[in-house]
C-alpha atoms as a PDB file:
ATOM      1  CA  UNK A   1     -12.663  19.985 -40.348  1.00  0.00           C
ATOM      2  CA  UNK A   2     -16.018  18.115 -40.013  1.00  0.00           C
ATOM      3  CA  UNK A   3     -18.130  17.957 -36.870  1.00  0.00           C
ATOM      4  CA  UNK A   4     -20.058  14.856 -36.007  1.00  0.00           C
ATOM      5  CA  UNK A   5     -22.541  14.098 -33.258  1.00  0.00           C
ATOM      6  CA  UNK A   6     -22.643  11.361 -31.037  1.00  0.00           C
ATOM      7  CA  UNK A   7     -22.727   7.636 -32.002  1.00  0.00           C
ATOM      8  CA  UNK A   8     -24.484   5.140 -29.621  1.00  0.00           C
ATOM      9  CA  UNK A   9     -21.932   2.349 -30.304  1.00  0.00           C
ATOM     10  CA  UNK A  10     -18.844   4.498 -30.508  1.00  0.00           C
ATOM     11  CA  UNK A  11     -17.710   3.382 -33.739  1.00  0.00           C
ATOM     12  CA  UNK A  12     -16.753   6.012 -36.218  1.00  0.00           C
ATOM     13  CA  UNK A  13     -16.063   5.529 -39.983  1.00  0.00           C
ATOM     14  CA  UNK A  14     -12.616   6.889 -40.949  1.00  0.00           C
ATOM     15  CA  UNK A  15     -12.171   5.787 -44.511  1.00  0.00           C
ATOM     16  CA  UNK A  16     -12.825   9.291 -45.668  1.00  0.00           C
ATOM     17  CA  UNK A  17     -10.198  10.630 -43.424  1.00  0.00           C
ATOM     18  CA  UNK A  18      -7.612   8.147 -44.672  1.00  0.00           C
ATOM     19  CA  UNK A  19      -8.112   9.044 -48.183  1.00  0.00           C
ATOM     20  CA  UNK A  20      -7.144  12.832 -47.077  1.00  0.00           C
ATOM     21  CA  UNK A  21      -3.547  14.050 -46.591  1.00  0.00           C
ATOM     22  CA  UNK A  22      -1.835  14.029 -43.294  1.00  0.00           C
ATOM     23  CA  UNK A  23      -2.972  16.862 -40.962  1.00  0.00           C
ATOM     24  CA  UNK A  24      -6.784  16.429 -41.993  1.00  0.00           C
ATOM     25  CA  UNK A  25      -8.997  15.894 -39.143  1.00  0.00           C
ATOM     26  CA  UNK A  26     -12.521  15.113 -37.945  1.00  0.00           C
ATOM     27  CA  UNK A  27     -13.981  16.449 -34.633  1.00  0.00           C
ATOM     28  CA  UNK A  28     -16.532  14.033 -32.614  1.00  0.00           C
ATOM     29  CA  UNK A  29     -18.790  14.600 -29.554  1.00  0.00           C
ATOM     30  CA  UNK A  30     -20.859  11.923 -27.724  1.00  0.00           C
ATOM     31  CA  UNK A  31     -22.837  11.858 -24.444  1.00  0.00           C
ATOM     32  CA  UNK A  32     -24.888   9.432 -22.532  1.00  0.00           C
ATOM     33  CA  UNK A  33     -22.659   6.554 -23.073  1.00  0.00           C
ATOM     34  CA  UNK A  34     -22.663   3.737 -20.550  1.00  0.00           C
ATOM     35  CA  UNK A  35     -20.012   1.231 -20.339  1.00  0.00           C
ATOM     36  CA  UNK A  36     -19.339  -2.175 -18.712  1.00  0.00           C
ATOM     37  CA  UNK A  37     -16.226  -1.801 -16.905  1.00  0.00           C
ATOM     38  CA  UNK A  38     -15.834  -5.298 -15.151  1.00  0.00           C
ATOM     39  CA  UNK A  39     -17.280  -6.989 -12.162  1.00  0.00           C
ATOM     40  CA  UNK A  40     -15.514  -4.721  -9.419  1.00  0.00           C
ATOM     41  CA  UNK A  41     -16.229  -1.471 -11.047  1.00  0.00           C
ATOM     42  CA  UNK A  42     -19.249   0.632 -12.467  1.00  0.00           C
ATOM     43  CA  UNK A  43     -19.989   3.976 -13.598  1.00  0.00           C
ATOM     44  CA  UNK A  44     -21.967   6.460 -11.462  1.00  0.00           C
ATOM     45  CA  UNK A  45     -22.788   8.728 -14.436  1.00  0.00           C
ATOM     46  CA  UNK A  46     -22.764   8.105 -18.240  1.00  0.00           C
ATOM     47  CA  UNK A  47     -19.761   9.039 -20.155  1.00  0.00           C
ATOM     48  CA  UNK A  48     -19.486  12.201 -22.294  1.00  0.00           C
ATOM     49  CA  UNK A  49     -16.602  14.051 -24.213  1.00  0.00           C
ATOM     50  CA  UNK A  50     -15.514  15.216 -27.348  1.00  0.00           C
ATOM     51  CA  UNK A  51     -12.322  14.042 -29.389  1.00  0.00           C
ATOM     52  CA  UNK A  52     -10.333  14.854 -32.694  1.00  0.00           C
ATOM     53  CA  UNK A  53      -9.291  12.143 -35.065  1.00  0.00           C
ATOM     54  CA  UNK A  54      -6.249  13.595 -37.106  1.00  0.00           C
ATOM     55  CA  UNK A  55      -4.745  11.935 -40.046  1.00  0.00           C
ATOM     56  CA  UNK A  56      -1.043  11.030 -39.588  1.00  0.00           C
ATOM     57  CA  UNK A  57       1.373   9.747 -42.130  1.00  0.00           C
ATOM     58  CA  UNK A  58       0.477   6.105 -41.298  1.00  0.00           C
ATOM     59  CA  UNK A  59      -2.716   6.278 -39.394  1.00  0.00           C
ATOM     60  CA  UNK A  60      -5.030   8.254 -37.370  1.00  0.00           C
ATOM     61  CA  UNK A  61      -4.347  10.158 -33.859  1.00  0.00           C
ATOM     62  CA  UNK A  62      -7.219  10.032 -31.453  1.00  0.00           C
ATOM     63  CA  UNK A  63      -7.065  12.871 -28.822  1.00  0.00           C
ATOM     64  CA  UNK A  64      -9.814  14.139 -26.641  1.00  0.00           C
ATOM     65  CA  UNK A  65     -11.228  14.712 -23.081  1.00  0.00           C
ATOM     66  CA  UNK A  66     -14.153  12.715 -21.521  1.00  0.00           C
ATOM     67  CA  UNK A  67     -16.128  13.130 -18.351  1.00  0.00           C
ATOM     68  CA  UNK A  68     -17.273  10.202 -16.176  1.00  0.00           C
ATOM     69  CA  UNK A  69     -17.965   9.075 -12.793  1.00  0.00           C
ATOM     70  CA  UNK A  70     -17.309   5.911 -10.947  1.00  0.00           C
ATOM     71  CA  UNK A  71     -19.367   4.275  -8.052  1.00  0.00           C
ATOM     72  CA  UNK A  72     -16.638   3.550  -5.313  1.00  0.00           C
ATOM     73  CA  UNK A  73     -16.385   3.246  -1.603  1.00  0.00           C
ATOM     74  CA  UNK A  74     -14.392   5.429   0.553  1.00  0.00           C
ATOM     75  CA  UNK A  75     -11.302   3.558   1.820  1.00  0.00           C
ATOM     76  CA  UNK A  76     -11.447   5.138   5.280  1.00  0.00           C
ATOM     77  CA  UNK A  77     -14.966   5.451   6.353  1.00  0.00           C
ATOM     78  CA  UNK A  78     -16.593   2.962   3.856  1.00  0.00           C
ATOM     79  CA  UNK A  79     -19.146   5.149   2.829  1.00  0.00           C
ATOM     80  CA  UNK A  80     -20.254   5.069  -0.924  1.00  0.00           C
ATOM     81  CA  UNK A  81     -19.025   7.753  -2.917  1.00  0.00           C
ATOM     82  CA  UNK A  82     -19.513   9.040  -6.690  1.00  0.00           C
ATOM     83  CA  UNK A  83     -16.172  10.062  -7.825  1.00  0.00           C
ATOM     84  CA  UNK A  84     -15.943  12.196 -10.913  1.00  0.00           C
ATOM     85  CA  UNK A  85     -13.385  11.669 -13.499  1.00  0.00           C
ATOM     86  CA  UNK A  86     -11.876  13.864 -16.337  1.00  0.00           C
ATOM     87  CA  UNK A  87      -9.951  11.648 -18.597  1.00  0.00           C
ATOM     88  CA  UNK A  88      -7.490  12.769 -21.261  1.00  0.00           C
ATOM     89  CA  UNK A  89      -7.025  10.419 -24.185  1.00  0.00           C
ATOM     90  CA  UNK A  90      -4.258  10.472 -26.744  1.00  0.00           C
ATOM     91  CA  UNK A  91      -3.745   7.480 -28.741  1.00  0.00           C
ATOM     92  CA  UNK A  92      -2.595   6.531 -32.273  1.00  0.00           C
ATOM     93  CA  UNK A  93      -4.578   4.059 -34.464  1.00  0.00           C
ATOM     94  CA  UNK A  94      -3.193   2.316 -37.329  1.00  0.00           C
ATOM     95  CA  UNK A  95      -5.191   0.550 -40.000  1.00  0.00           C
ATOM     96  CA  UNK A  96      -5.273  -3.244 -40.432  1.00  0.00           C
ATOM     97  CA  UNK A  97      -5.754  -2.946 -44.288  1.00  0.00           C
ATOM     98  CA  UNK A  98      -3.781  -0.759 -46.666  1.00  0.00           C
ATOM     99  CA  UNK A  99      -6.061   1.921 -47.863  1.00  0.00           C
ATOM    100  CA  UNK A 100      -4.548   2.291 -51.227  1.00  0.00           C
ATOM    101  CA  UNK A 101      -3.667  -1.459 -52.194  1.00  0.00           C
ATOM    102  CA  UNK A 102      -6.406  -3.179 -50.077  1.00  0.00           C
ATOM    103  CA  UNK A 103      -3.932  -5.691 -48.872  1.00  0.00           C
ATOM    104  CA  UNK A 104      -3.585  -6.781 -45.229  1.00  0.00           C
ATOM    105  CA  UNK A 105      -0.859  -5.285 -43.066  1.00  0.00           C
ATOM    106  CA  UNK A 106       1.114  -7.081 -40.378  1.00  0.00           C
ATOM    107  CA  UNK A 107      -0.461  -6.135 -36.992  1.00  0.00           C
ATOM    108  CA  UNK A 108       2.264  -8.282 -35.239  1.00  0.00           C
ATOM    109  CA  UNK A 109       4.826  -5.766 -35.727  1.00  0.00           C
ATOM    110  CA  UNK A 110       3.164  -3.098 -33.373  1.00  0.00           C
ATOM    111  CA  UNK A 111       0.713  -5.497 -31.428  1.00  0.00           C
ATOM    112  CA  UNK A 112       0.385  -2.869 -28.613  1.00  0.00           C
ATOM    113  CA  UNK A 113      -1.062  -0.277 -30.809  1.00  0.00           C
ATOM    114  CA  UNK A 114      -4.999  -0.050 -31.325  1.00  0.00           C
ATOM    115  CA  UNK A 115      -6.142  -1.122 -34.854  1.00  0.00           C
ATOM    116  CA  UNK A 116      -8.935   0.078 -37.157  1.00  0.00           C
ATOM    117  CA  UNK A 117     -11.455  -2.523 -38.418  1.00  0.00           C
ATOM    118  CA  UNK A 118     -10.989  -4.018 -41.838  1.00  0.00           C
ATOM    119  CA  UNK A 119     -13.632  -1.475 -43.072  1.00  0.00           C
ATOM    120  CA  UNK A 120     -11.643   1.453 -41.790  1.00  0.00           C
ATOM    121  CA  UNK A 121     -13.646   2.165 -38.670  1.00  0.00           C
ATOM    122  CA  UNK A 122     -12.604   3.025 -35.295  1.00  0.00           C
ATOM    123  CA  UNK A 123     -14.325   1.662 -32.071  1.00  0.00           C
ATOM    124  CA  UNK A 124     -13.565   3.939 -29.497  1.00  0.00           C
ATOM    125  CA  UNK A 125     -15.097   1.951 -26.708  1.00  0.00           C
ATOM    126  CA  UNK A 126     -11.984  -0.266 -25.995  1.00  0.00           C
ATOM    127  CA  UNK A 127      -9.904   2.709 -25.542  1.00  0.00           C
ATOM    128  CA  UNK A 128     -12.200   4.679 -23.523  1.00  0.00           C
ATOM    129  CA  UNK A 129     -12.958   1.405 -21.096  1.00  0.00           C
ATOM    130  CA  UNK A 130      -9.076   1.267 -20.558  1.00  0.00           C
ATOM    131  CA  UNK A 131      -8.685   4.887 -19.637  1.00  0.00           C
ATOM    132  CA  UNK A 132     -11.517   4.711 -17.279  1.00  0.00           C
ATOM    133  CA  UNK A 133     -10.189   1.753 -15.575  1.00  0.00           C
ATOM    134  CA  UNK A 134      -6.866   3.283 -15.180  1.00  0.00           C
ATOM    135  CA  UNK A 135      -8.209   6.299 -13.536  1.00  0.00           C
ATOM    136  CA  UNK A 136      -9.449   4.383 -10.697  1.00  0.00           C
ATOM    137  CA  UNK A 137      -7.703   5.582  -7.591  1.00  0.00           C
ATOM    138  CA  UNK A 138      -6.018   2.946  -5.332  1.00  0.00           C
ATOM    139  CA  UNK A 139      -7.508   4.249  -2.273  1.00  0.00           C
ATOM    140  CA  UNK A 140     -10.488   6.554  -3.022  1.00  0.00           C
ATOM    141  CA  UNK A 141     -11.579   8.916  -0.066  1.00  0.00           C
ATOM    142  CA  UNK A 142     -14.916  10.841   0.225  1.00  0.00           C
ATOM    143  CA  UNK A 143     -12.918  13.897   1.304  1.00  0.00           C
ATOM    144  CA  UNK A 144      -9.316  14.567   1.757  1.00  0.00           C
ATOM    145  CA  UNK A 145      -9.689  14.962   5.693  1.00  0.00           C
ATOM    146  CA  UNK A 146     -12.009  11.881   6.304  1.00  0.00           C
ATOM    147  CA  UNK A 147     -10.812  10.754   9.699  1.00  0.00           C
ATOM    148  CA  UNK A 148     -12.094   7.052   9.068  1.00  0.00           C
ATOM    149  CA  UNK A 149     -13.560   4.667  11.432  1.00  0.00           C
ATOM    150  CA  UNK A 150     -13.387   4.317  15.170  1.00  0.00           C
ATOM    151  CA  UNK A 151     -11.155   1.366  16.190  1.00  0.00           C
ATOM    152  CA  UNK A 152     -13.289   0.223  19.071  1.00  0.00           C
ATOM    153  CA  UNK A 153     -17.135   0.419  17.597  1.00  0.00           C
ATOM    154  CA  UNK A 154     -16.248   0.805  13.820  1.00  0.00           C
ATOM    155  CA  UNK A 155     -18.516   3.844  13.308  1.00  0.00           C
ATOM    156  CA  UNK A 156     -17.362   6.782  11.335  1.00  0.00           C
ATOM    157  CA  UNK A 157     -15.443   9.323  13.575  1.00  0.00           C
ATOM    158  CA  UNK A 158     -17.135  12.200  12.067  1.00  0.00           C
ATOM    159  CA  UNK A 159     -20.547  11.044  13.215  1.00  0.00           C
ATOM    160  CA  UNK A 160     -20.210  12.587  16.585  1.00  0.00           C
ATOM    161  CA  UNK A 161     -19.248  11.024  20.101  1.00  0.00           C
ATOM    162  CA  UNK A 162     -19.536   7.375  20.893  1.00  0.00           C
ATOM    163  CA  UNK A 163     -21.182   5.509  23.676  1.00  0.00           C
ATOM    164  CA  UNK A 164     -17.975   3.736  24.804  1.00  0.00           C
ATOM    165  CA  UNK A 165     -14.996   4.494  26.994  1.00  0.00           C
ATOM    166  CA  UNK A 166     -12.023   5.592  25.200  1.00  0.00           C
ATOM    167  CA  UNK A 167      -9.749   3.248  27.305  1.00  0.00           C
ATOM    168  CA  UNK A 168     -11.887   0.108  26.654  1.00  0.00           C
ATOM    169  CA  UNK A 169      -9.708  -2.821  26.714  1.00  0.00           C
ATOM    170  CA  UNK A 170     -10.202  -6.331  25.694  1.00  0.00           C
ATOM    171  CA  UNK A 171     -11.329  -8.441  28.811  1.00  0.00           C
ATOM    172  CA  UNK A 172      -8.877 -10.926  28.197  1.00  0.00           C
ATOM    173  CA  UNK A 173      -6.077  -8.400  28.552  1.00  0.00           C
ATOM    174  CA  UNK A 174      -7.433  -6.807  31.752  1.00  0.00           C
ATOM    175  CA  UNK A 175      -5.488  -8.996  34.087  1.00  0.00           C
ATOM    176  CA  UNK A 176      -2.392  -7.140  32.892  1.00  0.00           C
ATOM    177  CA  UNK A 177      -3.332  -4.092  34.509  1.00  0.00           C
ATOM    178  CA  UNK A 178      -2.114  -5.493  38.003  1.00  0.00           C
ATOM    179  CA  UNK A 179       1.439  -6.591  36.454  1.00  0.00           C
ATOM    180  CA  UNK A 180       4.351  -4.797  37.895  1.00  0.00           C
ATOM    181  CA  UNK A 181       8.103  -5.332  37.388  1.00  0.00           C
ATOM    182  CA  UNK A 182      10.596  -5.399  40.134  1.00  0.00           C
ATOM    183  CA  UNK A 183      13.391  -3.282  38.876  1.00  0.00           C
ATOM    184  CA  UNK A 184      16.307  -5.116  40.898  1.00  0.00           C
ATOM    185  CA  UNK A 185      14.987  -8.548  40.367  1.00  0.00           C
ATOM    186  CA  UNK A 186      14.773  -7.876  36.714  1.00  0.00           C
ATOM    187  CA  UNK A 187      18.182  -6.321  36.061  1.00  0.00           C
ATOM    188  CA  UNK A 188      20.152  -7.965  38.937  1.00  0.00           C
ATOM    189  CA  UNK A 189      22.147  -4.977  39.472  1.00  0.00           C
ATOM    190  CA  UNK A 190      21.771  -4.683  43.210  1.00  0.00           C
ATOM    191  CA  UNK A 191      23.255  -8.217  43.787  1.00  0.00           C
ATOM    192  CA  UNK A 192      25.876  -7.860  41.382  1.00  0.00           C
ATOM    193  CA  UNK A 193      26.942  -4.616  42.894  1.00  0.00           C
ATOM    194  CA  UNK A 194      27.183  -6.104  46.275  1.00  0.00           C
ATOM    195  CA  UNK A 195      29.197  -9.004  45.222  1.00  0.00           C
ATOM    196  CA  UNK A 196      31.581  -7.442  42.780  1.00  0.00           C
ATOM    197  CA  UNK A 197      34.428  -7.677  45.167  1.00  0.00           C
ATOM    198  CA  UNK A 198      33.563 -10.914  47.227  1.00  0.00           C
ATOM    199  CA  UNK A 199      36.067 -13.827  47.415  1.00  0.00           C
ATOM    200  CA  UNK A 200      34.599 -17.186  47.127  1.00  0.00           C
ATOM    201  CA  UNK A 201      35.581 -20.741  48.017  1.00  0.00           C
ATOM    202  CA  UNK A 202      37.464 -21.860  44.610  1.00  0.00           C
ATOM    203  CA  UNK A 203      35.863 -25.041  44.866  1.00  0.00           C
ATOM    204  CA  UNK A 204      32.250 -23.726  44.811  1.00  0.00           C
ATOM    205  CA  UNK A 205      30.288 -22.270  41.836  1.00  0.00           C
ATOM    206  CA  UNK A 206      27.606 -20.406  43.822  1.00  0.00           C
ATOM    207  CA  UNK A 207      27.764 -16.644  44.277  1.00  0.00           C
ATOM    208  CA  UNK A 208      26.996 -15.147  47.681  1.00  0.00           C
ATOM    209  CA  UNK A 209      23.826 -13.294  48.421  1.00  0.00           C
ATOM    210  CA  UNK A 210      23.837  -9.528  48.255  1.00  0.00           C
ATOM    211  CA  UNK A 211      23.193  -8.876  51.961  1.00  0.00           C
ATOM    212  CA  UNK A 212      26.031  -7.893  54.468  1.00  0.00           C
ATOM    213  CA  UNK A 213      25.945 -11.322  56.540  1.00  0.00           C
ATOM    214  CA  UNK A 214      26.706 -13.430  53.286  1.00  0.00           C
ATOM    215  CA  UNK A 215      29.474 -10.790  52.534  1.00  0.00           C
ATOM    216  CA  UNK A 216      31.101 -11.291  56.043  1.00  0.00           C
ATOM    217  CA  UNK A 217      30.595 -15.086  55.721  1.00  0.00           C
ATOM    218  CA  UNK A 218      32.426 -15.137  52.487  1.00  0.00           C
ATOM    219  CA  UNK A 219      35.414 -13.003  53.889  1.00  0.00           C
ATOM    220  CA  UNK A 220      35.925 -15.295  56.706  1.00  0.00           C
ATOM    221  CA  UNK A 221      35.871 -18.196  54.477  1.00  0.00           C
ATOM    222  CA  UNK A 222      38.331 -16.757  52.352  1.00  0.00           C
ATOM    223  CA  UNK A 223      40.604 -15.950  55.058  1.00  0.00           C
ATOM    224  CA  UNK A 224      40.648 -19.627  56.186  1.00  0.00           C
ATOM    225  CA  UNK A 225      41.647 -20.472  52.851  1.00  0.00           C
ATOM    226  CA  UNK A 226      44.366 -17.945  52.735  1.00  0.00           C
ATOM    227  CA  UNK A 227      45.733 -19.323  56.231  1.00  0.00           C
ATOM    228  CA  UNK A 228      46.222 -22.818  54.953  1.00  0.00           C
ATOM    229  CA  UNK A 229      49.909 -23.778  54.420  1.00  0.00           C
ATOM    230  CA  UNK A 230      49.530 -26.965  52.234  1.00  0.00           C
ATOM    231  CA  UNK A 231      49.460 -24.831  49.018  1.00  0.00           C
ATOM    232  CA  UNK A 232      47.259 -27.289  47.117  1.00  0.00           C
ATOM    233  CA  UNK A 233      44.590 -24.555  46.025  1.00  0.00           C
ATOM    234  CA  UNK A 234      44.931 -20.752  45.860  1.00  0.00           C
ATOM    235  CA  UNK A 235      41.861 -18.947  46.017  1.00  0.00           C
ATOM    236  CA  UNK A 236      41.062 -16.324  43.370  1.00  0.00           C
ATOM    237  CA  UNK A 237      39.219 -12.923  43.697  1.00  0.00           C
ATOM    238  CA  UNK A 238      36.267 -12.772  41.423  1.00  0.00           C
ATOM    239  CA  UNK A 239      33.822 -10.181  40.263  1.00  0.00           C
ATOM    240  CA  UNK A 240      30.379 -11.589  39.748  1.00  0.00           C
ATOM    241  CA  UNK A 241      31.451 -15.133  38.962  1.00  0.00           C
ATOM    242  CA  UNK A 242      33.188 -17.902  40.952  1.00  0.00           C
ATOM    243  CA  UNK A 243      36.657 -19.174  39.823  1.00  0.00           C
ATOM    244  CA  UNK A 244      38.049 -22.684  39.884  1.00  0.00           C
ATOM    245  CA  UNK A 245      41.815 -23.336  40.339  1.00  0.00           C
END
């Protein structure tokens, strides 16, 4: 086992390791590494860590742990935060040139696996960058119990009391405060109950009103129809609706 200190460009020569039998290994350490993570993501602190390169029967296994920090914004209160990260990496890297014959190997067989360079060097930066990007949380918070922002004034709720009323309403909606609903008029229950047994002129489609005078008038009208002897039309008893012959 050999220990190697940090390299500024994160490129490590592994030709000697490839010449050794499976199970051989090299330990590496680095610190103070700064990476470009893309337009919407940046480091809050340099990357530092250690990893081991172990010879396998077909390539090299890279395994280690790294510390980094991301400069983010709290998804609740929108304050800037520095989020510390501890990243574990465990990736197999395959050669692109056969170490014994020097012939190129077909990299299209396993295109998703990282490759050594044609000089049998391993560039750790792409693997490290991808691991940090994948570790970014979807909704970062400054603390687990962050209350977020006030829905009225937009200030953080943990900044203390606000200088506005709790029941502040949009002025355009203030007229709705005077709105009242008449239960009987809204449901029609009173009128329907009062006329459930009313009898109507079979030639009429208009329901009587729900007061007593209308009910009495309807009864008189029905009695007149029943007293007729011509048999031309027979009145019907309705419940809430008029009937036709």
